[in-house]
Protein backbone atom coordinates (compact mmCIF):
# COMPACT_ATOMS: atom_id res chain seq x y z
CA MET A 1 -12.36 118.02 19.46
CA THR A 2 -11.82 115.39 21.85
CA THR A 3 -9.05 114.33 22.81
CA SER A 4 -6.73 113.19 25.76
CA ARG A 5 -3.88 113.12 24.01
CA PRO A 6 -2.77 117.02 23.04
CA ASP A 7 -0.59 118.17 20.68
CA LEU A 8 0.49 121.74 19.21
CA GLY A 9 -2.36 121.35 17.22
CA PHE A 10 -4.59 121.71 19.85
CA LEU A 11 -2.54 124.04 21.26
CA PHE A 12 -3.26 126.14 18.66
CA ALA A 13 -6.51 125.92 18.12
CA HIS A 14 -7.61 128.33 19.99
CA PRO A 15 -6.36 130.81 22.31
CA ALA A 16 -7.59 129.29 25.24
CA HIS A 17 -5.94 126.36 24.78
CA LEU A 18 -2.58 128.27 24.51
CA ILE A 19 -3.44 129.89 27.73
CA ALA A 20 -4.45 127.46 30.00
CA PHE A 21 -1.20 124.88 28.73
CA GLY A 22 0.82 127.19 29.50
CA PHE A 23 2.02 128.43 26.03
CA GLY A 24 3.48 125.32 25.55
CA THR A 25 4.77 123.92 28.91
CA GLY A 26 1.84 121.96 29.71
CA LEU A 27 2.84 119.58 26.40
CA ALA A 28 5.52 117.98 28.84
CA PRO A 29 5.75 114.68 29.01
CA ARG A 30 6.70 114.35 32.56
CA ALA A 31 5.22 116.65 35.45
CA PRO A 32 3.46 119.37 33.07
CA GLY A 33 2.27 120.77 36.17
CA THR A 34 5.93 121.29 37.86
CA VAL A 35 7.06 122.44 33.82
CA GLY A 36 4.11 124.82 34.15
CA THR A 37 4.74 126.19 37.47
CA LEU A 38 8.42 127.57 36.62
CA LEU A 39 6.32 130.00 34.19
CA GLY A 40 4.92 131.84 37.44
CA LEU A 41 8.42 133.53 37.90
CA PRO A 42 8.44 135.62 34.22
CA LEU A 43 4.64 136.77 34.72
CA PHE A 44 5.31 137.19 38.57
CA TRP A 45 8.41 139.73 36.70
CA ALA A 46 5.97 140.89 34.46
CA ILE A 47 3.75 141.87 36.95
CA VAL A 48 6.53 143.51 39.15
CA SER A 49 7.76 145.50 36.30
CA VAL A 50 3.91 146.95 35.13
CA ALA A 51 2.71 147.25 38.75
CA PRO A 52 5.39 147.74 41.92
CA ASP A 53 3.52 147.94 44.07
CA ARG A 54 1.56 144.72 46.12
CA PRO A 55 -1.97 145.95 45.78
CA ASN A 56 -1.96 146.59 41.98
CA GLN A 57 0.45 143.20 41.33
CA ILE A 58 -2.83 141.39 42.95
CA ILE A 59 -5.32 143.15 41.09
CA LEU A 60 -3.16 141.54 37.97
CA LEU A 61 -3.13 138.72 39.56
CA ILE A 62 -7.10 138.56 40.29
CA ALA A 63 -7.01 139.39 36.40
CA ALA A 64 -4.74 136.93 35.41
CA PHE A 65 -7.30 134.06 37.74
CA LEU A 66 -10.62 135.22 35.65
CA LEU A 67 -8.39 134.83 32.42
CA GLY A 68 -8.12 131.50 33.58
CA ILE A 69 -11.58 130.57 34.42
CA TRP A 70 -12.31 131.05 30.74
CA ALA A 71 -9.33 129.57 29.19
CA CYS A 72 -9.11 126.36 31.44
CA ALA A 73 -12.85 125.73 30.96
CA ARG A 74 -12.28 126.24 27.36
CA ALA A 75 -9.85 123.95 27.06
CA GLY A 76 -11.14 121.19 29.67
CA ARG A 77 -14.39 121.23 27.01
CA ALA A 78 -12.05 120.28 24.32
CA LEU A 79 -10.67 117.75 25.68
CA GLY A 80 -13.26 116.16 27.01
CA VAL A 81 -11.24 116.31 30.55
CA PRO A 82 -12.23 119.33 33.12
CA ASP A 83 -8.64 118.79 34.82
CA HIS A 84 -6.47 117.44 32.54
CA GLY A 85 -2.66 117.48 33.63
CA GLY A 86 -1.53 119.99 30.37
CA ILE A 87 -3.86 121.92 31.98
CA VAL A 88 -1.49 124.71 33.79
CA TRP A 89 -2.43 127.98 33.95
CA ASP A 90 -3.83 127.53 37.36
CA GLU A 91 0.08 126.63 38.75
CA ILE A 92 1.53 129.69 36.89
CA VAL A 93 -1.28 131.96 38.50
CA ALA A 94 -1.22 130.05 41.92
CA PHE A 95 2.87 130.21 42.01
CA ALA A 96 3.04 133.69 40.86
CA LEU A 97 0.79 135.03 43.84
CA VAL A 98 3.03 133.28 46.29
CA LEU A 99 6.29 135.06 44.77
CA VAL A 100 4.22 138.21 45.65
CA PHE A 101 4.98 137.36 49.27
CA THR A 102 8.20 135.73 48.91
CA PRO A 103 11.62 137.71 49.81
CA PRO A 104 13.63 138.79 46.70
CA ALA A 105 16.25 135.96 46.88
CA TRP A 106 17.32 132.98 45.21
CA ALA A 107 16.99 130.48 48.31
CA TRP A 108 13.62 131.56 49.54
CA VAL A 109 12.02 131.75 45.41
CA ALA A 110 13.50 127.89 45.79
CA ILE A 111 11.74 127.23 48.90
CA ALA A 112 8.34 128.78 47.62
CA PHE A 113 8.87 126.56 44.29
CA ALA A 114 8.83 123.43 46.42
CA LEU A 115 6.14 124.48 48.98
CA PHE A 116 3.62 124.94 46.57
CA ARG A 117 4.39 121.54 44.27
CA LEU A 118 3.90 120.14 47.88
CA PHE A 119 0.97 121.32 48.72
CA ASP A 120 -0.45 121.40 45.20
CA ILE A 121 0.75 117.76 44.86
CA LEU A 122 -0.45 116.54 48.98
CA LYS A 123 -3.81 118.62 48.51
CA PRO A 124 -4.35 118.53 52.46
CA TRP A 125 -7.96 119.73 53.39
CA PRO A 126 -9.53 122.22 51.89
CA ILE A 127 -7.69 121.51 48.46
CA ARG A 128 -8.36 118.19 48.14
CA LEU A 129 -12.32 119.02 48.32
CA ALA A 130 -12.33 121.65 45.94
CA ASP A 131 -10.16 119.73 43.50
CA ARG A 132 -12.52 116.54 43.64
CA ARG A 133 -16.06 118.92 44.13
CA LEU A 134 -15.30 121.90 41.65
CA LYS A 135 -14.81 120.22 37.73
CA ASN A 136 -15.31 123.50 35.65
CA GLY A 137 -12.96 126.54 35.34
CA PHE A 138 -13.36 127.69 38.57
CA GLY A 139 -12.83 124.68 40.33
CA VAL A 140 -9.31 123.88 37.95
CA MET A 141 -8.45 127.88 39.43
CA PHE A 142 -9.20 127.82 42.95
CA ASP A 143 -7.60 124.66 44.37
CA ASP A 144 -4.29 125.83 43.26
CA MET A 145 -4.88 129.09 44.69
CA LEU A 146 -6.02 127.18 48.00
CA ALA A 147 -2.05 125.23 47.78
CA ALA A 148 -0.70 128.84 47.32
CA LEU A 149 -2.99 129.90 50.43
CA TYR A 150 -0.99 127.23 52.27
CA ALA A 151 2.32 127.70 50.68
CA ILE A 152 2.44 131.81 51.34
CA ALA A 153 1.76 130.65 55.09
CA ALA A 154 4.12 128.31 55.65
CA LEU A 155 6.71 130.67 53.92
CA LYS A 156 6.07 133.16 56.55
CA GLY A 157 6.01 130.34 59.43
CA LEU A 158 9.96 129.51 57.86
CA GLN A 159 10.58 133.39 57.65
CA TRP A 160 9.54 134.27 61.39
CA LEU A 161 11.38 131.31 62.90
CA VAL A 162 14.76 132.09 61.02
């Protein structure tokens, strides 16, 4: 199946498509990456409910990352576009990682969201390099993890300032 305009049929054709497209958020007509990123919050809450300590949260996020490598690669192959804009599992998992290091207050969550989207969109070095060179499932997931690391560093810098 090769299509540049996925729909509900594509979404439900394979479990990997459903995961890669963030359970449908990737079908948003505008800013699917931003819409998908919002699912990082319920993913984070689910992870915290099962694993209240940070090391186990990170282990679960590694599992979600590995799941994403498979799902994003499968969906990208089916679409004929390795990093289709509707593939948002990478944003979901990366933002959940940022939340692991975010203070538990809505203002900090909003700042974390803005920082992550900023770095994901601007793609400063080496994010842009990874985005250009790595186009398989790993590449789709990896550049967003780099954006998450930038967001975490900026968030920690802001916390230090205040």
